[in-house]
Amino acid sequence: MNKRRHIIIYFILTSIICLSLTCSKLSAQENILFTNYNNNKLFINPAFSGSTPYMEVSMGYHKQWTGIDGAPKSAIISAHAPLNNRPVGIGAMIYSNKIGILNETGFFANYAYKINMPKDRVFSLGFQAGMVNKEVRWSEVTTYDPNFTGDDPSIPNMNISSIAPNFGLGAYYTTPKFHLGFSAPRLLQNTYPHEKNLGKNLNFEFNDIYFYINSGMLLNINSKVQAAPSILLFSSLNSTTNYNIILNFSHINGISAGGSFRSEKYWSINTGYEFNSKLGISYSFENSLDKLKRGDHTSHEIFLNYKISLKKSSYTSPRFF
C-alpha cells in the first residue's frame, strides 16, 4: 500500500510540473517580488505550512529601485506551524505592496494536509483563502502643470478601493536534504478598481494565473559548511517563464552568505546570521547587469525569522528547512 501511495504522489507531482512547463509560453512578473524567496516560502506555496518541526514567524521588507519615485515597496508578516500529533499544518500571513498610487493589502489563512512517508519524507497538499484589498490613491497624483485646476475627467477626485476574496492551492514534497513544490497561490484576479467598474473587479482568468515551481537541496561541503542551491520558476500562460536561482552557503556558527541571479539580468548578494537557534536575520542587495536600460538603481531586502519550539518537537537548529 505504501509503495502504491508513493507512486501516486510522484505521478501527481511529475504531471503537474510537466503540464505547467508545457502550457507556459516561457516576460512580465507579478507585482509582488521578494529577492530571497527561501525566507518566505509561505507566500508562494500554502502547502509549506507546518513543514518544519517548529513554529516560524517571519517579517520581511523589500524596497525596489532605490531613488525612483513610486518604485515598488513590499512588506509581509507570516507565521506557520505543525499541529502536534496530527498530519496538519496551519499558517497565516498579511502583506502589503505599494507601486506609485497603487496599494494592495492581503490577508490569507493556510491549511496543509501532510502524508508521512518512510525516511522522513513528507508530501503535503495545501489550500489558502483570504481577502485582498486594492486601492488607487488618486489624491497622491502629482501634477507639474501650474495651471492645472484638478478638473480633469480622466483623473477621479477621490481615492477608490475595493475588497474581494481570493484563494490558492499548492503541493510540497520534502526530505531532510531536498524539497520540491508546485503552487498557484492566487487563483482569482483582483484587478484595481475604477469609478466605472466598482464591484466588478473580481474575475477568474486561467491565462493570467501565476504558477510557481520551487526546488532546492542541502549539500554538505564539510563538517562545518553547507551549500543550499535552489531555483524558483514562475509564469502565467500569458507571460514568459521567470526564474530566480539562489546559491547560499552557511557555516555552523550561524553565518550565511551567497548570491542569486534572476530574470532580466538581476543579481543579488545575500547575507545572514542566526543569533541562536531561534532568531535569525538576513539581508539582500540587488542590482542589474543591464544598467544602460535601468540605470544604477539598487534594491534592498531584509528578513527576520523567529523559530519557536513546540511540545514533543525534535527541533534543534536547522538552517534552511
Protein backbone atom coordinates (compact mmCIF):
# COMPACT_ATOMS: atom_id res chain seq x y z
CA MET A 1 0.00 0.00 0.00
CA ASN A 2 2.82 2.41 0.87
CA LYS A 3 4.57 1.71 -2.42
CA ARG A 4 1.38 2.40 -4.34
CA ARG A 5 0.91 5.68 -2.44
CA HIS A 6 4.44 6.76 -3.31
CA ILE A 7 3.90 6.02 -7.00
CA ILE A 8 0.68 8.07 -6.99
CA ILE A 9 2.41 11.02 -5.30
CA TYR A 10 5.32 11.04 -7.71
CA PHE A 11 2.94 10.77 -10.66
CA ILE A 12 0.91 13.76 -9.41
CA LEU A 13 3.99 15.92 -8.91
CA THR A 14 5.50 14.98 -12.27
CA SER A 15 2.25 15.55 -14.14
CA ILE A 16 1.65 18.95 -12.56
CA ILE A 17 5.16 20.18 -13.29
CA CYS A 18 5.17 18.92 -16.88
CA LEU A 19 1.76 20.46 -17.51
CA SER A 20 2.83 23.84 -16.16
CA LEU A 21 6.05 23.92 -18.17
CA THR A 22 4.45 22.86 -21.44
CA CYS A 23 1.48 25.17 -21.07
CA SER A 24 3.64 28.19 -20.24
CA LYS A 25 4.92 30.24 -23.14
CA LEU A 26 8.15 30.59 -21.33
CA SER A 27 8.10 38.45 -19.51
CA ALA A 28 6.05 40.01 -17.18
CA GLN A 29 6.34 39.32 -13.47
CA GLU A 30 3.85 39.55 -10.67
CA ASN A 31 3.81 42.90 -8.91
CA ILE A 32 4.97 41.47 -5.59
CA LEU A 33 8.57 40.30 -5.57
CA PHE A 34 10.99 39.09 -2.90
CA THR A 35 14.66 38.51 -3.71
CA ASN A 36 15.44 35.72 -1.25
CA TYR A 37 12.24 33.69 -1.59
CA ASN A 38 13.56 30.92 0.68
CA ASN A 39 12.85 33.23 3.63
CA ASN A 40 9.22 33.43 2.62
CA LYS A 41 8.01 30.18 1.07
CA LEU A 42 4.61 30.57 2.70
CA PHE A 43 3.90 33.45 0.30
CA ILE A 44 4.38 31.27 -2.79
CA ASN A 45 3.07 27.91 -1.56
CA PRO A 46 0.34 27.24 1.04
CA ALA A 47 1.46 23.60 1.27
CA PHE A 48 4.63 24.81 3.04
CA SER A 49 2.50 25.42 6.15
CA GLY A 50 3.70 23.26 9.03
CA SER A 51 6.56 21.68 7.05
CA THR A 52 9.03 22.45 9.84
CA PRO A 53 9.05 20.83 13.31
CA TYR A 54 8.71 24.25 14.90
CA MET A 55 6.56 27.36 14.65
CA GLU A 56 8.15 30.05 12.50
CA VAL A 57 7.31 33.74 12.40
CA SER A 58 8.78 35.84 9.56
CA MET A 59 8.82 39.57 8.89
CA GLY A 60 10.19 40.99 5.65
CA TYR A 61 10.54 44.27 3.78
CA HIS A 62 11.60 44.78 0.17
CA LYS A 63 12.40 48.18 -1.36
CA GLN A 64 12.95 48.04 -5.09
CA TRP A 65 14.83 50.52 -7.30
CA THR A 66 16.03 52.95 -4.66
CA GLY A 67 15.89 56.55 -5.87
CA ILE A 68 12.91 56.13 -8.20
CA ASP A 69 9.65 57.81 -7.14
CA GLY A 70 6.80 55.33 -6.94
CA ALA A 71 9.06 52.27 -7.04
CA PRO A 72 7.62 49.06 -5.51
CA LYS A 73 7.72 48.61 -1.73
CA SER A 74 6.56 45.31 -0.23
CA ALA A 75 6.20 44.09 3.35
CA ILE A 76 4.98 40.81 4.83
CA ILE A 77 4.38 39.14 8.19
CA SER A 78 3.72 35.40 8.20
CA ALA A 79 3.55 32.52 10.66
CA HIS A 80 3.08 28.78 10.31
CA ALA A 81 3.34 25.67 12.48
CA PRO A 82 2.52 21.95 12.52
CA LEU A 83 -0.21 20.61 14.76
CA ASN A 84 1.31 18.05 17.12
CA ASN A 85 0.01 14.50 16.76
CA ARG A 86 -1.91 15.45 13.62
CA PRO A 87 -0.81 15.39 9.96
CA VAL A 88 -1.81 19.02 9.57
CA GLY A 89 -0.03 22.34 9.22
CA ILE A 90 -1.58 25.78 9.57
CA GLY A 91 -0.39 29.27 8.72
CA ALA A 92 -1.39 32.87 8.13
CA MET A 93 0.10 35.94 6.51
CA ILE A 94 -0.62 39.58 5.87
CA TYR A 95 1.21 41.56 3.23
CA SER A 96 1.19 44.97 1.58
CA ASN A 97 2.52 46.17 -1.74
CA LYS A 98 2.75 49.77 -2.98
CA ILE A 99 3.60 50.87 -6.52
CA GLY A 100 3.11 54.57 -7.14
CA ILE A 101 -0.51 55.38 -6.30
CA LEU A 102 -1.48 51.68 -6.35
CA ASN A 103 -1.78 49.92 -2.99
CA GLU A 104 -2.55 46.28 -2.29
CA THR A 105 -3.11 44.61 1.08
CA GLY A 106 -3.88 40.93 1.53
CA PHE A 107 -4.63 38.54 4.38
CA PHE A 108 -4.62 34.76 3.94
CA ALA A 109 -5.08 31.72 6.19
CA ASN A 110 -3.37 28.48 5.14
CA TYR A 111 -4.06 24.81 5.71
CA ALA A 112 -1.88 21.87 4.68
CA TYR A 113 -2.51 18.13 4.95
CA LYS A 114 0.67 16.06 5.25
CA ILE A 115 1.26 12.47 4.14
CA ASN A 116 4.22 11.00 6.03
CA MET A 117 6.40 8.53 4.16
CA PRO A 118 9.46 6.41 5.09
CA LYS A 119 12.90 8.01 5.57
CA ASP A 120 11.46 11.33 6.84
CA ARG A 121 9.84 12.16 3.51
CA VAL A 122 6.61 14.17 3.53
CA PHE A 123 4.14 15.10 0.81
CA SER A 124 1.75 17.98 1.58
CA LEU A 125 -1.30 19.41 -0.14
CA GLY A 126 -2.14 22.98 0.78
CA PHE A 127 -5.04 25.40 0.49
CA GLN A 128 -5.26 29.08 1.34
CA ALA A 129 -8.12 31.56 1.40
CA GLY A 130 -8.32 35.20 2.26
CA MET A 131 -9.16 38.75 1.24
CA VAL A 132 -7.34 41.23 -0.97
CA ASN A 133 -7.90 44.97 -0.77
CA LYS A 134 -6.78 47.12 -3.70
CA GLU A 135 -6.74 50.90 -3.64
CA VAL A 136 -5.95 53.62 -6.13
CA ARG A 137 -4.90 56.78 -4.24
CA TRP A 138 -5.69 59.50 -6.75
CA SER A 139 -5.06 62.09 -4.04
CA GLU A 140 -1.35 61.29 -4.30
CA VAL A 141 -1.12 62.14 -8.00
CA THR A 142 1.39 64.92 -8.56
CA THR A 143 0.84 67.31 -11.47
CA TYR A 144 3.53 69.55 -12.96
CA ASP A 145 1.25 71.98 -14.77
CA PRO A 146 0.87 75.15 -12.63
CA ASN A 147 -2.36 75.94 -14.46
CA PHE A 148 -3.96 72.57 -13.66
CA THR A 149 -7.08 73.05 -11.53
CA GLY A 150 -7.76 69.38 -10.86
CA ASP A 151 -10.76 69.49 -13.16
CA ASP A 152 -9.84 66.51 -15.41
CA PRO A 153 -12.50 63.81 -16.09
CA SER A 154 -9.75 61.23 -16.63
CA ILE A 155 -8.47 61.71 -13.05
CA PRO A 156 -11.04 60.91 -10.32
CA ASN A 157 -11.25 63.39 -7.47
CA MET A 158 -11.18 60.75 -4.75
CA ASN A 159 -9.37 57.58 -3.67
CA ILE A 160 -11.01 54.35 -4.80
CA SER A 161 -10.71 50.97 -3.09
CA SER A 162 -12.31 47.55 -3.22
CA ILE A 163 -12.01 44.28 -1.33
CA ALA A 164 -12.59 40.79 -2.68
CA PRO A 165 -11.82 37.16 -1.74
CA ASN A 166 -9.07 35.03 -3.23
CA PHE A 167 -7.70 31.53 -2.72
CA GLY A 168 -4.85 29.29 -3.82
CA LEU A 169 -3.56 25.72 -3.97
CA GLY A 170 -0.19 24.05 -3.63
CA ALA A 171 1.75 20.79 -3.30
CA TYR A 172 5.05 20.31 -1.47
CA TYR A 173 7.39 17.31 -1.24
CA THR A 174 10.29 17.37 1.19
CA THR A 175 13.07 15.17 2.54
CA PRO A 176 15.84 16.09 5.01
CA LYS A 177 18.03 17.20 2.07
CA PHE A 178 15.61 18.08 -0.75
CA HIS A 179 12.35 19.90 -1.43
CA LEU A 180 10.08 20.37 -4.44
CA GLY A 181 6.92 22.45 -4.58
CA PHE A 182 4.26 23.47 -7.09
CA SER A 183 1.60 26.10 -6.43
CA ALA A 184 -0.90 28.61 -7.74
CA PRO A 185 -1.27 30.82 -4.64
CA ARG A 186 -3.72 33.37 -6.07
CA LEU A 187 -6.27 31.88 -8.45
CA LEU A 188 -8.55 34.89 -8.81
CA GLN A 189 -7.66 38.15 -10.49
CA ASN A 190 -8.21 41.08 -8.15
CA THR A 191 -7.95 43.99 -10.57
CA TYR A 192 -7.52 47.58 -9.41
CA PRO A 193 -10.86 49.43 -9.14
CA HIS A 194 -12.07 52.28 -11.31
CA GLU A 195 -15.10 54.51 -10.87
CA LYS A 196 -16.82 52.67 -13.71
CA ASN A 197 -16.07 49.13 -12.56
CA LEU A 198 -16.53 49.26 -8.79
CA GLY A 199 -17.90 45.93 -7.63
CA LYS A 200 -16.73 44.22 -10.84
CA ASN A 201 -13.05 43.85 -10.05
CA LEU A 202 -13.04 40.11 -9.29
CA ASN A 203 -12.73 37.55 -12.06
CA PHE A 204 -11.20 34.21 -12.95
CA GLU A 205 -8.86 34.22 -15.92
CA PHE A 206 -6.94 30.96 -16.24
CA ASN A 207 -4.43 32.52 -18.63
CA ASP A 208 -3.45 35.11 -16.01
CA ILE A 209 -2.91 32.72 -13.08
CA TYR A 210 0.70 32.55 -11.94
CA PHE A 211 2.14 29.09 -11.32
CA TYR A 212 5.23 28.57 -9.15
CA ILE A 213 7.75 25.72 -9.07
CA ASN A 214 10.35 25.80 -6.30
CA SER A 215 13.06 23.22 -5.67
CA GLY A 216 16.26 23.07 -3.68
CA MET A 217 18.66 20.85 -1.75
CA LEU A 218 21.24 20.81 1.03
CA LEU A 219 24.80 19.71 0.26
CA ASN A 220 27.41 19.10 2.93
CA ILE A 221 30.70 20.71 1.84
CA ASN A 222 32.44 19.58 5.01
CA SER A 223 31.59 19.16 8.70
CA LYS A 224 31.10 22.93 9.14
CA VAL A 225 29.78 24.28 5.82
CA GLN A 226 26.60 23.53 3.88
CA ALA A 227 25.58 24.69 0.41
CA ALA A 228 21.93 25.33 -0.43
CA PRO A 229 21.25 25.70 -4.18
CA SER A 230 17.63 26.38 -5.13
CA ILE A 231 15.54 27.59 -8.03
CA LEU A 232 12.15 29.28 -8.39
CA LEU A 233 10.23 29.28 -11.69
CA PHE A 234 7.02 31.28 -12.08
CA SER A 235 4.86 32.09 -15.07
CA SER A 236 1.35 32.56 -16.35
CA LEU A 237 0.07 31.36 -19.70
CA ASN A 238 0.26 34.93 -20.99
CA SER A 239 3.87 35.55 -19.98
CA THR A 240 7.31 34.07 -20.34
CA THR A 241 8.77 31.93 -17.57
CA ASN A 242 10.66 33.95 -14.97
CA TYR A 243 13.29 32.38 -12.78
CA ASN A 244 15.36 33.06 -9.69
CA ILE A 245 18.42 30.93 -8.94
CA ILE A 246 20.00 31.11 -5.47
CA LEU A 247 23.19 29.60 -4.09
CA ASN A 248 23.77 30.24 -0.39
CA PHE A 249 26.38 28.83 1.97
CA SER A 250 26.00 28.50 5.72
CA HIS A 251 28.56 27.93 8.45
CA ILE A 252 27.94 26.03 11.66
CA ASN A 253 28.48 29.25 13.63
CA GLY A 254 25.31 30.75 12.07
CA ILE A 255 26.83 32.93 9.33
CA SER A 256 25.42 32.54 5.81
CA ALA A 257 26.34 34.17 2.52
CA GLY A 258 25.62 33.68 -1.15
CA GLY A 259 24.05 35.20 -4.19
CA SER A 260 21.32 34.88 -6.77
CA PHE A 261 20.54 35.63 -10.38
CA ARG A 262 17.06 36.12 -11.77
CA SER A 263 15.21 37.03 -14.93
CA GLU A 264 16.06 40.21 -16.81
CA LYS A 265 19.70 40.16 -15.64
CA TYR A 266 19.22 40.96 -11.95
CA TRP A 267 21.81 39.74 -9.45
CA SER A 268 21.95 39.89 -5.67
CA ILE A 269 24.27 39.31 -2.73
CA ASN A 270 22.67 37.55 0.24
CA THR A 271 23.96 37.58 3.81
CA GLY A 272 22.52 36.32 7.06
CA TYR A 273 23.22 35.49 10.67
CA GLU A 274 21.49 33.26 13.23
CA PHE A 275 22.00 34.76 16.67
CA ASN A 276 20.88 31.50 18.27
CA SER A 277 18.68 28.52 17.46
CA LYS A 278 15.63 30.80 17.37
CA LEU A 279 16.38 34.24 15.92
CA GLY A 280 17.87 34.93 12.50
CA ILE A 281 18.28 37.93 10.21
CA SER A 282 19.10 38.14 6.51
CA TYR A 283 19.78 40.95 4.05
CA SER A 284 19.85 41.01 0.24
CA PHE A 285 21.36 43.67 -2.02
CA GLU A 286 20.18 43.57 -5.64
CA ASN A 287 21.23 45.35 -8.81
CA SER A 288 21.02 44.89 -12.56
CA LEU A 289 23.63 43.98 -15.13
CA ASP A 290 21.67 45.96 -17.72
CA LYS A 291 22.36 49.46 -16.33
CA LEU A 292 22.01 51.11 -19.77
CA LYS A 293 18.26 50.39 -19.69
CA ARG A 294 17.53 50.53 -15.95
CA GLY A 295 20.17 52.86 -14.58
CA ASP A 296 22.15 52.21 -11.42
CA HIS A 297 19.17 51.64 -9.12
CA THR A 298 19.61 49.13 -6.33
CA SER A 299 17.07 47.10 -4.35
CA HIS A 300 17.24 46.13 -0.69
CA GLU A 301 15.52 43.41 1.32
CA ILE A 302 15.63 42.42 4.97
CA PHE A 303 14.00 39.48 6.78
CA LEU A 304 13.68 38.50 10.43
CA ASN A 305 12.82 34.89 11.26
CA TYR A 306 11.92 33.63 14.72
CA LYS A 307 11.54 29.91 15.50
CA ILE A 308 9.53 28.66 18.44
CA SER A 309 9.97 25.09 19.69
CA LEU A 310 6.76 23.11 20.07
CA LYS A 311 5.83 20.41 22.53
CA LYS A 312 7.21 16.99 21.52
CA SER A 313 9.26 18.61 18.77
CA SER A 314 12.65 17.24 17.69
CA TYR A 315 13.72 20.71 16.60
CA THR A 316 17.38 21.58 17.16
CA SER A 317 18.82 24.27 14.90
CA PRO A 318 18.01 23.88 11.19
CA ARG A 319 19.43 26.39 8.73
CA PHE A 320 17.12 26.11 5.75
CA PHE A 321 14.16 23.73 6.29
